[in-house]
């Protein structure tokens, strides 16, 4: 389309969910082979940083595919016509056609899309296809289709969290205290305590939480010798440690100090029934936290604070895939597959919640328009929102999302 303006491109490719420009255009050899090489190089570079990064990115891409499949499946079931199903954005790298739908890969690995025709009143659709457009569908069908992506994220999260809880256990109070690190030259090092030791008792008093362990040590006078019952692997050992004054004690305060870090949280096996109940309950809590977190992150005041250094609150800092891969490496190294899958579950919750925020071009923006149309409609007279009037709002939302992404990328790279 030689006469297409930037406004038209914004409407057709962003707000309308994909592009129908040159639907049969094949990628050039340079784009085809260069794009495939770029995708392969991405996973190779991630592997060298950490194999867990590959697992994480593959998991996110699979989540994106399932998100778009949710839209695709419900659209087809609702009688709507879908013409494209792509992973990635930008120019085509590879595609094929089947039953009137183009499936394929695009060059930029930053999401995916399904093109459902007639998403807005400004989409140009052949007259014979008007009956199978999104805009002509009933309100319940439009809401089913537009919310299907976020519903898929929640289904993914439930499957992952229930699977992790049922197989590896839930991360919770375990009933035992594990030593995580031992300070050099400390009473613990002198006594022979080692990382991964489990302290079961102090002077015959059973230790079941890290808080009780720390409070017991703090309440013991310096220069006192305590008897530690320790489980090391499958062996039980008893160690004697003479405490010293805590370097963190306030002036005039007497506090015993052993010189270890400890915690009592670990994965605890739960039954299938408990996993099916506790997993979704934890995710409901996660939904609430995601809503609050997203509201904090999209506040420009908080973002500017991070840029100037006046805001150090990590919960208000925008992030990108760069920062997420660092977290995935840490999670994978500390907790393996269970931790990684649980991390992906939490991210799916966040993505599902974010996607339903009433901002165009997010699905929540289209849902808000559908609700507005329903409210404005009268019996036997359907109201259609004029997207040409909504485009300035959509442009502002896109600028906000772009600002968050670019700021998050800068912070992830320059201020990790």
Foldseek 3Di string as FASTA:
>chain_A
DVPDDPLNCCVADFQQWHHDPPVPDDDDPCLQVVLVVLVVVVQVVLVVVPPLLNVQLVLVQVLLLLLQVLLVVLLVVQQWDWAEWEAADDAFRDWDDDPRHIYGYHRHRDGITIRTAPLAPPGDDPPVRVCRGLQNGDLVSNLSNLLRSLVSLLVLLLVLQLVLCQPVADWDQQQWKFFQQFDPPFLCVVQPDDGRKIFQDKQPHGDGWVVVVQVVQFPDFAQDKIWTFICDPNDTDITIGGWHADPPDDVPGTTTDGGTDMGRIDGDHDHSVCSSVVSVVVLVVLLVLLVVLVVLQLPVVQLVCVVVVNHDPPSNAQADSLLVSVVSNVQCVVPNPSSNSNVSSSVSSNVSNVLLDCAPPRSVVSSVQSVVQVVPADVPGGDHDHCVVVSVRNVVSVVSVVVSHVSNVCCSPVPD
